[in-house]
Protein backbone atom coordinates (compact mmCIF):
# COMPACT_ATOMS: atom_id res chain seq x y z
CA UNK A 1 -14.09 -115.67 -159.34
CA UNK A 2 -11.78 -112.79 -158.00
CA UNK A 3 -10.52 -115.42 -155.57
CA UNK A 4 -9.39 -117.74 -158.52
CA UNK A 5 -8.12 -114.11 -160.52
CA UNK A 6 -5.96 -113.42 -157.43
CA UNK A 7 -4.52 -116.47 -157.35
CA UNK A 8 -3.36 -117.05 -160.41
CA UNK A 9 -1.73 -113.13 -160.45
CA UNK A 10 -0.46 -113.65 -157.54
CA UNK A 11 1.62 -117.12 -159.29
CA UNK A 12 1.75 -114.64 -162.55
CA UNK A 13 3.74 -112.63 -160.14
CA UNK A 14 5.56 -115.19 -158.49
CA UNK A 15 6.93 -116.69 -161.80
CA UNK A 16 7.92 -113.36 -162.90
CA UNK A 17 9.82 -112.28 -160.05
CA UNK A 18 12.11 -115.62 -160.16
CA UNK A 19 12.31 -115.21 -163.23
CA UNK A 20 13.54 -111.42 -163.56
CA UNK A 21 15.22 -110.80 -160.39
CA UNK A 22 16.49 -113.98 -158.78
CA UNK A 23 19.14 -112.33 -156.39
CA UNK A 24 15.96 -110.52 -154.85
CA UNK A 25 13.87 -113.81 -154.87
CA UNK A 26 16.33 -115.27 -153.48
CA UNK A 27 16.68 -112.85 -150.35
CA UNK A 28 13.28 -112.54 -150.13
CA UNK A 29 12.97 -116.58 -149.24
CA UNK A 30 16.01 -116.38 -147.41
CA UNK A 31 14.72 -113.85 -144.98
CA UNK A 32 11.51 -115.44 -144.80
CA UNK A 33 13.12 -118.60 -143.81
CA UNK A 34 14.95 -116.66 -141.16
CA UNK A 35 11.99 -115.37 -139.80
CA UNK A 36 10.14 -118.93 -139.55
CA UNK A 37 13.31 -119.89 -138.25
CA UNK A 38 12.84 -117.11 -135.27
CA UNK A 39 9.27 -117.98 -135.15
CA UNK A 40 10.36 -121.80 -134.28
CA UNK A 41 13.55 -121.01 -131.32
CA UNK A 42 10.84 -118.85 -129.55
CA UNK A 43 8.27 -120.94 -129.51
CA UNK A 44 11.07 -124.29 -128.56
CA UNK A 45 11.72 -121.66 -125.66
CA UNK A 46 8.65 -121.10 -124.12
CA UNK A 47 7.50 -124.70 -123.99
CA UNK A 48 11.08 -125.21 -122.50
CA UNK A 49 10.36 -123.11 -119.75
CA UNK A 50 7.43 -124.17 -119.03
CA UNK A 51 8.60 -127.69 -118.54
CA UNK A 52 11.25 -127.01 -116.41
């Protein structure tokens, strides 16, 4: 029950954040995307180092 409330609350917050602060929401997503790309680059470098 608590998990369901937290999921719905998080979804409501996400919708509110995107609706009323679209620029901030876009910056958050852009930052998270950059972080994911940095992690992927690091893993790729690691695997390349193992193979070489």
